[in-house]
Amino acid sequence: MDSLIRDLVYQGYLKTDRIIDAFSKIRRVDFVPEELESASQANIPLPIGQGQTISQPLTVAFMMEKLGPLPGDKVLDVGSGSGWTTALLAHIVGKKGKVIGMERIKDLCHFGMNNVSKYNLIEGGRVKIICTDGTKGYVNEAPYQRILVSASAKEIPREMKKQLAVGGRLVIPVKNSIWTVEKISEKDFREEEYPGFAFVPLIGEEK
């Protein structure tokens, strides 16, 4: 276990064995531009081009723990960017699970595909990455047990709540907070706010 993961465990951000294992096996260095590889173990966001970043490991750990993906889950990963969260999720859900990544910026989408392919996750059928706007989710593969959004929305999208399976969970940044949304029934949701974070904005095609 490298020093970054040890620190995240010690600080209480990484708690669950299967998530710790994913962080250990899916190396962040494989998801950053070559010139930034030496900084990949730093607990900071890093630029990946097109004005976007690969999120701070602390933030990713926090969101993964709140999401709580399980083996066999189908997960939607909106704003997949570098592909790191997509690959982490794919490792956690295992061979019986599936992860659909969505990235609207084509160059970043292909960058993410290439990175995820280093782990044979696309070829193996566990991951599908789609180069399109993800602000309204992806109804074609719904329902999902888990939905992760890695860019800040102005509000929690109704469409994503609809695409959750009953018992499912959405983790999404809204402004400078991270929100968890649990679907109790088709009409009932439990929402919780965790303030104090910063993200790039979630941008759709309508802009």
N, C-alpha and C. Protein backbone atom coordinates (compact mmCIF):
# COMPACT_ATOMS: atom_id res chain seq x y z
N MET A 1 0.85 -1.20 0.00
CA MET A 1 0.00 0.00 0.00
C MET A 1 0.89 1.25 0.00
N ASP A 2 0.67 2.15 -0.97
CA ASP A 2 1.54 3.32 -1.05
C ASP A 2 1.14 4.37 -0.01
N SER A 3 1.99 5.39 0.12
CA SER A 3 1.82 6.35 1.21
C SER A 3 0.53 7.16 1.08
N LEU A 4 0.11 7.48 -0.15
CA LEU A 4 -1.13 8.24 -0.35
C LEU A 4 -2.33 7.45 0.18
N ILE A 5 -2.40 6.18 -0.17
CA ILE A 5 -3.53 5.35 0.29
C ILE A 5 -3.47 5.17 1.80
N ARG A 6 -2.28 4.97 2.33
CA ARG A 6 -2.13 4.85 3.79
C ARG A 6 -2.64 6.10 4.49
N ASP A 7 -2.30 7.27 3.94
CA ASP A 7 -2.76 8.54 4.52
C ASP A 7 -4.28 8.66 4.48
N LEU A 8 -4.88 8.26 3.35
CA LEU A 8 -6.33 8.35 3.22
C LEU A 8 -7.04 7.40 4.18
N VAL A 9 -6.43 6.24 4.42
CA VAL A 9 -6.98 5.30 5.41
C VAL A 9 -6.82 5.88 6.81
N TYR A 10 -5.63 6.39 7.11
CA TYR A 10 -5.34 6.95 8.43
C TYR A 10 -6.26 8.13 8.75
N GLN A 11 -6.52 8.97 7.73
CA GLN A 11 -7.36 10.16 7.92
C GLN A 11 -8.86 9.83 7.93
N GLY A 12 -9.19 8.58 7.64
CA GLY A 12 -10.59 8.15 7.71
C GLY A 12 -11.39 8.34 6.44
N TYR A 13 -10.73 8.70 5.34
CA TYR A 13 -11.45 8.88 4.07
C TYR A 13 -11.68 7.55 3.36
N LEU A 14 -10.71 6.65 3.43
CA LEU A 14 -10.87 5.31 2.89
C LEU A 14 -11.14 4.36 4.05
N LYS A 15 -12.26 3.61 3.98
CA LYS A 15 -12.65 2.75 5.10
C LYS A 15 -12.97 1.32 4.66
N THR A 16 -13.56 1.18 3.49
CA THR A 16 -14.10 -0.11 3.05
C THR A 16 -13.05 -0.91 2.31
N ASP A 17 -12.90 -2.17 2.68
CA ASP A 17 -11.83 -3.01 2.11
C ASP A 17 -11.86 -3.04 0.59
N ARG A 18 -13.04 -3.22 -0.02
CA ARG A 18 -13.09 -3.35 -1.48
C ARG A 18 -12.72 -2.04 -2.17
N ILE A 19 -12.99 -0.89 -1.50
CA ILE A 19 -12.61 0.40 -2.08
C ILE A 19 -11.11 0.63 -1.90
N ILE A 20 -10.59 0.28 -0.74
CA ILE A 20 -9.13 0.37 -0.52
C ILE A 20 -8.39 -0.49 -1.53
N ASP A 21 -8.90 -1.71 -1.78
CA ASP A 21 -8.28 -2.61 -2.75
C ASP A 21 -8.29 -2.00 -4.15
N ALA A 22 -9.40 -1.36 -4.52
CA ALA A 22 -9.48 -0.71 -5.84
C ALA A 22 -8.45 0.40 -5.96
N PHE A 23 -8.31 1.23 -4.93
CA PHE A 23 -7.31 2.30 -4.95
C PHE A 23 -5.90 1.74 -5.06
N SER A 24 -5.67 0.57 -4.48
CA SER A 24 -4.35 -0.06 -4.53
C SER A 24 -4.05 -0.64 -5.92
N LYS A 25 -5.08 -1.21 -6.55
CA LYS A 25 -4.88 -1.92 -7.82
C LYS A 25 -4.99 -0.99 -9.04
N ILE A 26 -5.86 0.00 -8.97
CA ILE A 26 -6.08 0.93 -10.10
C ILE A 26 -5.27 2.19 -9.81
N ARG A 27 -4.10 2.28 -10.41
CA ARG A 27 -3.13 3.32 -10.03
C ARG A 27 -3.43 4.65 -10.73
N ARG A 28 -3.48 5.69 -9.94
CA ARG A 28 -3.78 7.03 -10.48
C ARG A 28 -2.77 7.46 -11.55
N VAL A 29 -1.53 6.99 -11.43
CA VAL A 29 -0.49 7.37 -12.39
C VAL A 29 -0.87 6.97 -13.82
N ASP A 30 -1.71 5.95 -13.97
CA ASP A 30 -2.11 5.49 -15.29
C ASP A 30 -3.20 6.35 -15.92
N PHE A 31 -3.64 7.40 -15.21
CA PHE A 31 -4.77 8.20 -15.67
C PHE A 31 -4.44 9.69 -15.77
N VAL A 32 -3.16 10.03 -15.68
CA VAL A 32 -2.75 11.44 -15.79
C VAL A 32 -1.86 11.60 -17.02
N PRO A 33 -1.77 12.81 -17.58
CA PRO A 33 -0.86 13.04 -18.69
C PRO A 33 0.58 12.68 -18.30
N GLU A 34 1.34 12.24 -19.27
CA GLU A 34 2.69 11.73 -19.02
C GLU A 34 3.55 12.72 -18.24
N GLU A 35 3.42 14.01 -18.56
CA GLU A 35 4.28 15.02 -17.91
C GLU A 35 3.90 15.23 -16.44
N LEU A 36 2.77 14.69 -16.00
CA LEU A 36 2.35 14.86 -14.61
C LEU A 36 2.43 13.56 -13.80
N GLU A 37 3.02 12.53 -14.39
CA GLU A 37 3.09 11.24 -13.70
C GLU A 37 3.79 11.34 -12.34
N SER A 38 4.82 12.19 -12.26
CA SER A 38 5.57 12.31 -11.00
C SER A 38 4.72 12.94 -9.89
N ALA A 39 3.64 13.64 -10.27
CA ALA A 39 2.77 14.28 -9.27
C ALA A 39 1.53 13.44 -8.95
N SER A 40 1.43 12.27 -9.54
CA SER A 40 0.18 11.50 -9.43
C SER A 40 -0.10 11.01 -8.01
N GLN A 41 0.94 10.91 -7.18
CA GLN A 41 0.75 10.45 -5.80
C GLN A 41 0.46 11.59 -4.83
N ALA A 42 0.44 12.82 -5.35
CA ALA A 42 0.12 13.96 -4.49
C ALA A 42 -1.39 14.05 -4.30
N ASN A 43 -1.82 14.43 -3.11
CA ASN A 43 -3.25 14.52 -2.81
C ASN A 43 -3.82 15.86 -3.27
N ILE A 44 -3.72 16.09 -4.59
CA ILE A 44 -4.18 17.34 -5.20
C ILE A 44 -4.86 17.00 -6.54
N PRO A 45 -5.80 17.88 -7.00
CA PRO A 45 -6.32 17.70 -8.36
C PRO A 45 -5.22 18.01 -9.37
N LEU A 46 -5.26 17.39 -10.54
CA LEU A 46 -4.27 17.63 -11.57
C LEU A 46 -4.97 17.92 -12.90
N PRO A 47 -4.43 18.84 -13.71
CA PRO A 47 -5.05 19.14 -15.00
C PRO A 47 -4.89 17.98 -15.98
N ILE A 48 -5.96 17.70 -16.74
CA ILE A 48 -5.88 16.64 -17.75
C ILE A 48 -6.23 17.20 -19.14
N GLY A 49 -6.26 18.53 -19.26
CA GLY A 49 -6.54 19.17 -20.54
C GLY A 49 -7.98 19.62 -20.67
N GLN A 50 -8.23 20.50 -21.63
CA GLN A 50 -9.58 21.01 -21.92
C GLN A 50 -10.22 21.71 -20.72
N GLY A 51 -9.38 22.25 -19.82
CA GLY A 51 -9.89 22.94 -18.64
C GLY A 51 -10.44 22.02 -17.57
N GLN A 52 -10.17 20.72 -17.69
CA GLN A 52 -10.70 19.73 -16.75
C GLN A 52 -9.59 19.18 -15.86
N THR A 53 -9.99 18.51 -14.78
CA THR A 53 -9.00 17.95 -13.84
C THR A 53 -9.35 16.50 -13.51
N ILE A 54 -8.33 15.78 -13.04
CA ILE A 54 -8.56 14.53 -12.34
C ILE A 54 -8.66 14.92 -10.86
N SER A 55 -9.75 14.51 -10.22
CA SER A 55 -10.05 15.01 -8.88
C SER A 55 -9.01 14.63 -7.84
N GLN A 56 -8.97 15.40 -6.77
CA GLN A 56 -8.11 15.11 -5.62
C GLN A 56 -8.47 13.72 -5.07
N PRO A 57 -7.47 12.87 -4.80
CA PRO A 57 -7.76 11.53 -4.27
C PRO A 57 -8.64 11.53 -3.03
N LEU A 58 -8.45 12.50 -2.14
CA LEU A 58 -9.27 12.60 -0.93
C LEU A 58 -10.75 12.73 -1.31
N THR A 59 -11.04 13.57 -2.30
CA THR A 59 -12.43 13.78 -2.73
C THR A 59 -13.00 12.53 -3.37
N VAL A 60 -12.21 11.86 -4.21
CA VAL A 60 -12.66 10.63 -4.85
C VAL A 60 -12.94 9.56 -3.80
N ALA A 61 -12.05 9.45 -2.81
CA ALA A 61 -12.24 8.47 -1.73
C ALA A 61 -13.53 8.76 -0.97
N PHE A 62 -13.76 10.03 -0.64
CA PHE A 62 -14.96 10.42 0.09
C PHE A 62 -16.22 10.06 -0.70
N MET A 63 -16.21 10.38 -2.00
CA MET A 63 -17.39 10.12 -2.83
C MET A 63 -17.62 8.62 -3.02
N MET A 64 -16.54 7.86 -3.19
CA MET A 64 -16.67 6.40 -3.34
C MET A 64 -17.26 5.78 -2.08
N GLU A 65 -16.80 6.23 -0.93
CA GLU A 65 -17.34 5.68 0.33
C GLU A 65 -18.81 6.04 0.50
N LYS A 66 -19.20 7.24 0.11
CA LYS A 66 -20.61 7.63 0.19
C LYS A 66 -21.46 6.87 -0.84
N LEU A 67 -20.87 6.59 -2.00
CA LEU A 67 -21.58 5.85 -3.04
C LEU A 67 -21.80 4.39 -2.63
N GLY A 68 -20.76 3.78 -2.06
CA GLY A 68 -20.86 2.40 -1.59
C GLY A 68 -21.18 1.38 -2.67
N PRO A 69 -20.46 1.39 -3.81
CA PRO A 69 -20.75 0.41 -4.86
C PRO A 69 -20.48 -1.01 -4.37
N LEU A 70 -21.27 -1.95 -4.89
CA LEU A 70 -21.17 -3.36 -4.48
C LEU A 70 -20.88 -4.25 -5.68
N PRO A 71 -20.27 -5.40 -5.45
CA PRO A 71 -20.07 -6.36 -6.54
C PRO A 71 -21.39 -6.67 -7.25
N GLY A 72 -21.36 -6.65 -8.58
CA GLY A 72 -22.55 -6.93 -9.37
C GLY A 72 -23.40 -5.73 -9.71
N ASP A 73 -23.09 -4.56 -9.15
CA ASP A 73 -23.86 -3.34 -9.43
C ASP A 73 -23.69 -2.87 -10.87
N LYS A 74 -24.73 -2.21 -11.39
CA LYS A 74 -24.60 -1.43 -12.62
C LYS A 74 -24.47 0.03 -12.19
N VAL A 75 -23.41 0.70 -12.66
CA VAL A 75 -23.08 2.05 -12.20
C VAL A 75 -22.96 2.99 -13.39
N LEU A 76 -23.51 4.19 -13.25
CA LEU A 76 -23.33 5.26 -14.23
C LEU A 76 -22.32 6.25 -13.67
N ASP A 77 -21.28 6.55 -14.45
CA ASP A 77 -20.21 7.47 -14.03
C ASP A 77 -20.22 8.68 -14.96
N VAL A 78 -20.81 9.78 -14.49
CA VAL A 78 -21.01 10.97 -15.33
C VAL A 78 -19.84 11.93 -15.15
N GLY A 79 -19.25 12.35 -16.28
CA GLY A 79 -18.05 13.18 -16.24
C GLY A 79 -16.84 12.31 -15.98
N SER A 80 -16.74 11.23 -16.76
CA SER A 80 -15.71 10.20 -16.48
C SER A 80 -14.29 10.68 -16.75
N GLY A 81 -14.12 11.70 -17.60
CA GLY A 81 -12.81 12.35 -17.76
C GLY A 81 -11.66 11.40 -18.02
N SER A 82 -10.71 11.38 -17.10
CA SER A 82 -9.50 10.57 -17.25
C SER A 82 -9.78 9.07 -17.23
N GLY A 83 -10.96 8.68 -16.73
CA GLY A 83 -11.29 7.26 -16.61
C GLY A 83 -10.94 6.64 -15.28
N TRP A 84 -10.32 7.41 -14.38
CA TRP A 84 -9.88 6.83 -13.10
C TRP A 84 -11.06 6.34 -12.27
N THR A 85 -12.09 7.19 -12.09
CA THR A 85 -13.23 6.74 -11.29
C THR A 85 -13.95 5.58 -11.97
N THR A 86 -14.01 5.60 -13.30
CA THR A 86 -14.66 4.52 -14.04
C THR A 86 -13.96 3.19 -13.77
N ALA A 87 -12.62 3.21 -13.81
CA ALA A 87 -11.85 1.99 -13.57
C ALA A 87 -11.94 1.55 -12.10
N LEU A 88 -11.92 2.50 -11.18
CA LEU A 88 -12.10 2.16 -9.76
C LEU A 88 -13.44 1.46 -9.54
N LEU A 89 -14.49 2.03 -10.12
CA LEU A 89 -15.82 1.45 -9.99
C LEU A 89 -15.88 0.06 -10.61
N ALA A 90 -15.26 -0.09 -11.78
CA ALA A 90 -15.28 -1.39 -12.46
C ALA A 90 -14.57 -2.46 -11.64
N HIS A 91 -13.49 -2.08 -10.98
CA HIS A 91 -12.77 -3.03 -10.12
C HIS A 91 -13.67 -3.46 -8.97
N ILE A 92 -14.41 -2.52 -8.41
CA ILE A 92 -15.26 -2.82 -7.26
C ILE A 92 -16.47 -3.68 -7.65
N VAL A 93 -17.13 -3.35 -8.76
CA VAL A 93 -18.35 -4.11 -9.13
C VAL A 93 -18.02 -5.49 -9.66
N GLY A 94 -16.79 -5.68 -10.13
CA GLY A 94 -16.35 -7.00 -10.54
C GLY A 94 -16.92 -7.47 -11.87
N LYS A 95 -16.66 -8.73 -12.19
CA LYS A 95 -17.01 -9.28 -13.51
C LYS A 95 -18.51 -9.34 -13.75
N LYS A 96 -19.30 -9.41 -12.70
CA LYS A 96 -20.75 -9.48 -12.86
C LYS A 96 -21.40 -8.09 -12.89
N GLY A 97 -20.60 -7.05 -12.66
CA GLY A 97 -21.11 -5.69 -12.69
C GLY A 97 -20.84 -5.01 -14.01
N LYS A 98 -21.30 -3.77 -14.13
CA LYS A 98 -21.08 -3.00 -15.35
C LYS A 98 -20.99 -1.52 -15.00
N VAL A 99 -20.10 -0.80 -15.69
CA VAL A 99 -19.95 0.64 -15.48
C VAL A 99 -20.07 1.34 -16.82
N ILE A 100 -20.95 2.33 -16.88
CA ILE A 100 -21.10 3.16 -18.07
C ILE A 100 -20.53 4.53 -17.75
N GLY A 101 -19.47 4.91 -18.43
CA GLY A 101 -18.87 6.23 -18.27
C GLY A 101 -19.41 7.18 -19.33
N MET A 102 -19.59 8.44 -18.96
CA MET A 102 -20.04 9.46 -19.91
C MET A 102 -19.13 10.68 -19.83
N GLU A 103 -18.62 11.11 -20.98
CA GLU A 103 -17.74 12.28 -21.03
C GLU A 103 -18.07 13.07 -22.30
N ARG A 104 -18.46 14.34 -22.14
CA ARG A 104 -18.93 15.13 -23.28
C ARG A 104 -17.78 15.67 -24.15
N ILE A 105 -16.56 15.82 -23.58
CA ILE A 105 -15.43 16.36 -24.34
C ILE A 105 -14.73 15.21 -25.05
N LYS A 106 -14.79 15.19 -26.39
CA LYS A 106 -14.34 14.01 -27.14
C LYS A 106 -12.88 13.65 -26.88
N ASP A 107 -11.98 14.66 -26.87
CA ASP A 107 -10.56 14.35 -26.64
C ASP A 107 -10.36 13.70 -25.28
N LEU A 108 -11.06 14.21 -24.27
CA LEU A 108 -10.96 13.62 -22.93
C LEU A 108 -11.59 12.24 -22.89
N CYS A 109 -12.68 12.08 -23.60
CA CYS A 109 -13.36 10.79 -23.66
C CYS A 109 -12.41 9.71 -24.20
N HIS A 110 -11.70 10.04 -25.27
CA HIS A 110 -10.77 9.06 -25.85
C HIS A 110 -9.55 8.85 -24.95
N PHE A 111 -9.11 9.92 -24.27
CA PHE A 111 -8.03 9.80 -23.28
C PHE A 111 -8.46 8.81 -22.19
N GLY A 112 -9.69 8.98 -21.70
CA GLY A 112 -10.20 8.08 -20.67
C GLY A 112 -10.31 6.64 -21.15
N MET A 113 -10.79 6.46 -22.38
CA MET A 113 -10.89 5.11 -22.95
C MET A 113 -9.53 4.43 -23.00
N ASN A 114 -8.54 5.17 -23.48
CA ASN A 114 -7.18 4.61 -23.56
C ASN A 114 -6.66 4.23 -22.19
N ASN A 115 -6.93 5.06 -21.19
CA ASN A 115 -6.45 4.78 -19.83
C ASN A 115 -7.13 3.54 -19.25
N VAL A 116 -8.45 3.47 -19.40
CA VAL A 116 -9.21 2.33 -18.86
C VAL A 116 -8.79 1.03 -19.57
N SER A 117 -8.45 1.15 -20.86
CA SER A 117 -8.04 -0.03 -21.63
C SER A 117 -6.75 -0.66 -21.11
N LYS A 118 -5.95 0.12 -20.36
CA LYS A 118 -4.73 -0.44 -19.77
C LYS A 118 -5.05 -1.59 -18.81
N TYR A 119 -6.29 -1.61 -18.32
CA TYR A 119 -6.72 -2.64 -17.37
C TYR A 119 -7.68 -3.65 -18.02
N ASN A 120 -7.78 -3.60 -19.37
CA ASN A 120 -8.59 -4.56 -20.14
C ASN A 120 -10.07 -4.56 -19.70
N LEU A 121 -10.56 -3.42 -19.24
CA LEU A 121 -11.92 -3.37 -18.71
C LEU A 121 -12.96 -3.10 -19.79
N ILE A 122 -12.57 -2.39 -20.85
CA ILE A 122 -13.50 -2.14 -21.96
C ILE A 122 -13.59 -3.39 -22.83
N GLU A 123 -12.42 -3.94 -23.17
CA GLU A 123 -12.37 -5.15 -23.99
C GLU A 123 -13.08 -6.32 -23.30
N GLY A 124 -12.96 -6.35 -21.98
CA GLY A 124 -13.60 -7.42 -21.21
C GLY A 124 -15.09 -7.23 -21.04
N GLY A 125 -15.64 -6.09 -21.47
CA GLY A 125 -17.07 -5.86 -21.43
C GLY A 125 -17.61 -5.29 -20.13
N ARG A 126 -16.72 -5.02 -19.18
CA ARG A 126 -17.18 -4.51 -17.89
C ARG A 126 -17.46 -3.01 -17.94
N VAL A 127 -16.79 -2.31 -18.87
CA VAL A 127 -16.91 -0.85 -18.98
C VAL A 127 -17.33 -0.46 -20.39
N LYS A 128 -18.24 0.50 -20.47
CA LYS A 128 -18.57 1.15 -21.73
C LYS A 128 -18.46 2.65 -21.48
N ILE A 129 -17.71 3.35 -22.33
CA ILE A 129 -17.58 4.80 -22.20
C ILE A 129 -18.21 5.45 -23.42
N ILE A 130 -19.09 6.42 -23.17
CA ILE A 130 -19.85 7.07 -24.23
C ILE A 130 -19.44 8.54 -24.29
N CYS A 131 -19.10 9.01 -25.50
CA CYS A 131 -18.67 10.40 -25.68
C CYS A 131 -19.89 11.28 -25.94
N THR A 132 -20.56 11.66 -24.88
CA THR A 132 -21.77 12.48 -25.03
C THR A 132 -22.07 13.22 -23.73
N ASP A 133 -23.00 14.16 -23.81
CA ASP A 133 -23.46 14.93 -22.65
C ASP A 133 -24.14 14.01 -21.64
N GLY A 134 -23.72 14.10 -20.38
CA GLY A 134 -24.29 13.23 -19.35
C GLY A 134 -25.15 13.95 -18.33
N THR A 135 -25.52 15.21 -18.60
CA THR A 135 -26.22 16.00 -17.59
C THR A 135 -27.60 15.44 -17.23
N LYS A 136 -28.16 14.63 -18.13
CA LYS A 136 -29.47 14.02 -17.85
C LYS A 136 -29.35 12.51 -17.69
N GLY A 137 -28.14 12.06 -17.42
CA GLY A 137 -27.93 10.64 -17.23
C GLY A 137 -27.94 9.89 -18.55
N TYR A 138 -28.27 8.60 -18.50
CA TYR A 138 -28.27 7.75 -19.70
C TYR A 138 -29.37 6.71 -19.53
N VAL A 139 -30.53 7.05 -20.07
CA VAL A 139 -31.73 6.24 -19.83
C VAL A 139 -31.64 4.86 -20.48
N ASN A 140 -30.83 4.73 -21.55
CA ASN A 140 -30.75 3.47 -22.30
C ASN A 140 -30.33 2.28 -21.44
N GLU A 141 -29.51 2.53 -20.41
CA GLU A 141 -29.01 1.44 -19.57
C GLU A 141 -29.65 1.42 -18.18
N ALA A 142 -30.57 2.35 -17.93
CA ALA A 142 -31.21 2.44 -16.61
C ALA A 142 -32.10 1.21 -16.38
N PRO A 143 -32.37 0.86 -15.11
CA PRO A 143 -31.97 1.57 -13.88
C PRO A 143 -30.57 1.18 -13.41
N TYR A 144 -30.00 2.07 -12.58
CA TYR A 144 -28.67 1.86 -12.01
C TYR A 144 -28.76 1.70 -10.49
N GLN A 145 -27.91 0.83 -9.96
CA GLN A 145 -27.81 0.74 -8.50
C GLN A 145 -27.05 1.94 -7.92
N ARG A 146 -26.13 2.48 -8.71
CA ARG A 146 -25.34 3.62 -8.25
C ARG A 146 -25.10 4.58 -9.42
N ILE A 147 -25.13 5.88 -9.11
CA ILE A 147 -24.75 6.92 -10.08
C ILE A 147 -23.76 7.85 -9.40
N LEU A 148 -22.61 8.05 -10.05
CA LEU A 148 -21.58 8.97 -9.55
C LEU A 148 -21.43 10.11 -10.55
N VAL A 149 -21.44 11.34 -10.06
CA VAL A 149 -21.23 12.51 -10.91
C VAL A 149 -20.00 13.25 -10.39
N SER A 150 -19.07 13.58 -11.31
CA SER A 150 -17.80 14.17 -10.88
C SER A 150 -17.65 15.63 -11.26
N ALA A 151 -18.75 16.29 -11.61
CA ALA A 151 -18.73 17.74 -11.88
C ALA A 151 -19.93 18.36 -11.18
N SER A 152 -19.80 19.64 -10.85
CA SER A 152 -20.80 20.30 -10.01
C SER A 152 -22.03 20.75 -10.81
N ALA A 153 -23.20 20.30 -10.37
CA ALA A 153 -24.47 20.71 -10.98
C ALA A 153 -25.06 21.89 -10.20
N LYS A 154 -26.02 22.58 -10.82
CA LYS A 154 -26.72 23.66 -10.12
C LYS A 154 -27.78 23.11 -9.18
N GLU A 155 -28.30 21.93 -9.53
CA GLU A 155 -29.28 21.25 -8.69
C GLU A 155 -29.21 19.76 -9.00
N ILE A 156 -29.87 18.96 -8.19
CA ILE A 156 -29.87 17.51 -8.42
C ILE A 156 -30.81 17.21 -9.59
N PRO A 157 -30.28 16.62 -10.68
CA PRO A 157 -31.13 16.40 -11.87
C PRO A 157 -32.23 15.37 -11.60
N ARG A 158 -33.46 15.75 -11.93
CA ARG A 158 -34.60 14.83 -11.76
C ARG A 158 -34.42 13.56 -12.58
N GLU A 159 -33.84 13.73 -13.78
CA GLU A 159 -33.67 12.57 -14.66
C GLU A 159 -32.80 11.50 -14.02
N MET A 160 -31.75 11.93 -13.31
CA MET A 160 -30.87 10.95 -12.67
C MET A 160 -31.58 10.23 -11.53
N LYS A 161 -32.40 10.96 -10.79
CA LYS A 161 -33.16 10.33 -9.70
C LYS A 161 -34.10 9.27 -10.26
N LYS A 162 -34.70 9.56 -11.41
CA LYS A 162 -35.60 8.59 -12.05
C LYS A 162 -34.84 7.34 -12.49
N GLN A 163 -33.58 7.52 -12.90
CA GLN A 163 -32.80 6.40 -13.44
C GLN A 163 -32.20 5.50 -12.36
N LEU A 164 -32.34 5.89 -11.09
CA LEU A 164 -31.89 5.03 -9.99
C LEU A 164 -32.87 3.89 -9.79
N ALA A 165 -32.34 2.71 -9.51
CA ALA A 165 -33.17 1.60 -9.04
C ALA A 165 -33.62 1.91 -7.62
N VAL A 166 -34.75 1.36 -7.21
CA VAL A 166 -35.17 1.49 -5.81
C VAL A 166 -34.10 0.84 -4.93
N GLY A 167 -33.68 1.57 -3.91
CA GLY A 167 -32.56 1.12 -3.08
C GLY A 167 -31.22 1.63 -3.58
N GLY A 168 -31.24 2.32 -4.74
CA GLY A 168 -30.01 2.84 -5.33
C GLY A 168 -29.58 4.16 -4.73
N ARG A 169 -28.39 4.59 -5.13
CA ARG A 169 -27.81 5.80 -4.53
C ARG A 169 -27.10 6.63 -5.59
N LEU A 170 -27.30 7.95 -5.50
CA LEU A 170 -26.65 8.93 -6.36
C LEU A 170 -25.74 9.79 -5.49
N VAL A 171 -24.50 10.00 -5.95
CA VAL A 171 -23.59 10.93 -5.29
C VAL A 171 -23.21 11.99 -6.31
N ILE A 172 -23.49 13.26 -5.97
CA ILE A 172 -23.32 14.34 -6.93
C ILE A 172 -22.90 15.63 -6.23
N PRO A 173 -21.93 16.36 -6.81
CA PRO A 173 -21.63 17.70 -6.29
C PRO A 173 -22.69 18.69 -6.77
N VAL A 174 -23.20 19.50 -5.85
CA VAL A 174 -24.09 20.61 -6.20
C VAL A 174 -23.47 21.86 -5.60
N LYS A 175 -23.04 22.77 -6.50
CA LYS A 175 -22.28 23.95 -6.08
C LYS A 175 -21.03 23.49 -5.32
N ASN A 176 -20.89 23.84 -4.04
CA ASN A 176 -19.67 23.45 -3.31
C ASN A 176 -19.93 22.40 -2.23
N SER A 177 -20.97 21.61 -2.44
CA SER A 177 -21.28 20.51 -1.53
C SER A 177 -21.37 19.20 -2.30
N ILE A 178 -21.15 18.10 -1.61
CA ILE A 178 -21.45 16.78 -2.16
C ILE A 178 -22.76 16.32 -1.54
N TRP A 179 -23.67 15.86 -2.39
CA TRP A 179 -24.96 15.36 -1.94
C TRP A 179 -25.07 13.86 -2.19
N THR A 180 -25.69 13.16 -1.24
CA THR A 180 -26.07 11.77 -1.49
C THR A 180 -27.59 11.72 -1.57
N VAL A 181 -28.07 10.95 -2.53
CA VAL A 181 -29.51 10.77 -2.73
C VAL A 181 -29.80 9.28 -2.74
N GLU A 182 -30.60 8.81 -1.81
CA GLU A 182 -30.99 7.40 -1.78
C GLU A 182 -32.45 7.28 -2.21
N LYS A 183 -32.71 6.33 -3.09
CA LYS A 183 -34.07 6.13 -3.60
C LYS A 183 -34.78 5.10 -2.72
N ILE A 184 -35.70 5.56 -1.90
CA ILE A 184 -36.40 4.70 -0.95
C ILE A 184 -37.54 3.96 -1.65
N SER A 185 -38.25 4.66 -2.54
CA SER A 185 -39.32 4.08 -3.36
C SER A 185 -39.36 4.88 -4.65
N GLU A 186 -40.27 4.57 -5.55
CA GLU A 186 -40.33 5.30 -6.81
C GLU A 186 -40.57 6.80 -6.61
N LYS A 187 -41.17 7.17 -5.49
CA LYS A 187 -41.48 8.58 -5.25
C LYS A 187 -40.72 9.20 -4.08
N ASP A 188 -40.07 8.37 -3.27
CA ASP A 188 -39.46 8.88 -2.04
C ASP A 188 -37.94 8.78 -2.09
N PHE A 189 -37.29 9.88 -1.67
CA PHE A 189 -35.83 9.95 -1.68
C PHE A 189 -35.34 10.51 -0.34
N ARG A 190 -34.17 10.05 0.06
CA ARG A 190 -33.51 10.61 1.24
C ARG A 190 -32.24 11.33 0.76
N GLU A 191 -32.12 12.62 1.09
CA GLU A 191 -30.99 13.42 0.61
C GLU A 191 -30.17 13.94 1.79
N GLU A 192 -28.85 13.96 1.59
CA GLU A 192 -27.96 14.47 2.64
C GLU A 192 -26.85 15.30 2.00
N GLU A 193 -26.49 16.41 2.66
CA GLU A 193 -25.50 17.35 2.12
C GLU A 193 -24.21 17.30 2.94
N TYR A 194 -23.07 17.33 2.21
CA TYR A 194 -21.74 17.40 2.83
C TYR A 194 -21.00 18.59 2.22
N PRO A 195 -20.94 19.74 2.89
CA PRO A 195 -20.35 20.95 2.30
C PRO A 195 -18.82 20.94 2.34
N GLY A 196 -18.24 21.90 1.59
CA GLY A 196 -16.80 22.16 1.69
C GLY A 196 -15.94 21.58 0.60
N PHE A 197 -16.49 21.43 -0.63
CA PHE A 197 -15.72 20.88 -1.74
C PHE A 197 -15.76 21.84 -2.92
N ALA A 198 -14.88 21.61 -3.91
CA ALA A 198 -14.87 22.43 -5.12
C ALA A 198 -14.72 21.51 -6.34
N PHE A 199 -15.50 21.78 -7.39
CA PHE A 199 -15.50 20.96 -8.60
C PHE A 199 -15.60 21.84 -9.83
N VAL A 200 -15.17 21.28 -10.99
CA VAL A 200 -15.46 21.94 -12.26
C VAL A 200 -16.97 21.80 -12.50
N PRO A 201 -17.58 22.73 -13.27
CA PRO A 201 -19.03 22.67 -13.48
C PRO A 201 -19.45 21.55 -14.42
N LEU A 202 -20.65 21.03 -14.18
CA LEU A 202 -21.28 20.06 -15.08
C LEU A 202 -21.94 20.84 -16.20
N ILE A 203 -21.47 20.64 -17.43
CA ILE A 203 -21.93 21.44 -18.57
C ILE A 203 -22.62 20.53 -19.57
N GLY A 204 -23.77 20.98 -20.04
CA GLY A 204 -24.53 20.20 -21.01
C GLY A 204 -24.50 20.82 -22.39
N GLU A 205 -25.09 20.11 -23.35
CA GLU A 205 -25.07 20.54 -24.75
C GLU A 205 -25.93 21.78 -24.99
N GLU A 206 -26.86 22.05 -24.05
CA GLU A 206 -27.76 23.18 -24.27
C GLU A 206 -27.08 24.52 -24.12
N LYS A 207 -25.82 24.53 -23.59
CA LYS A 207 -25.11 25.80 -23.41
C LYS A 207 -24.78 26.42 -24.76
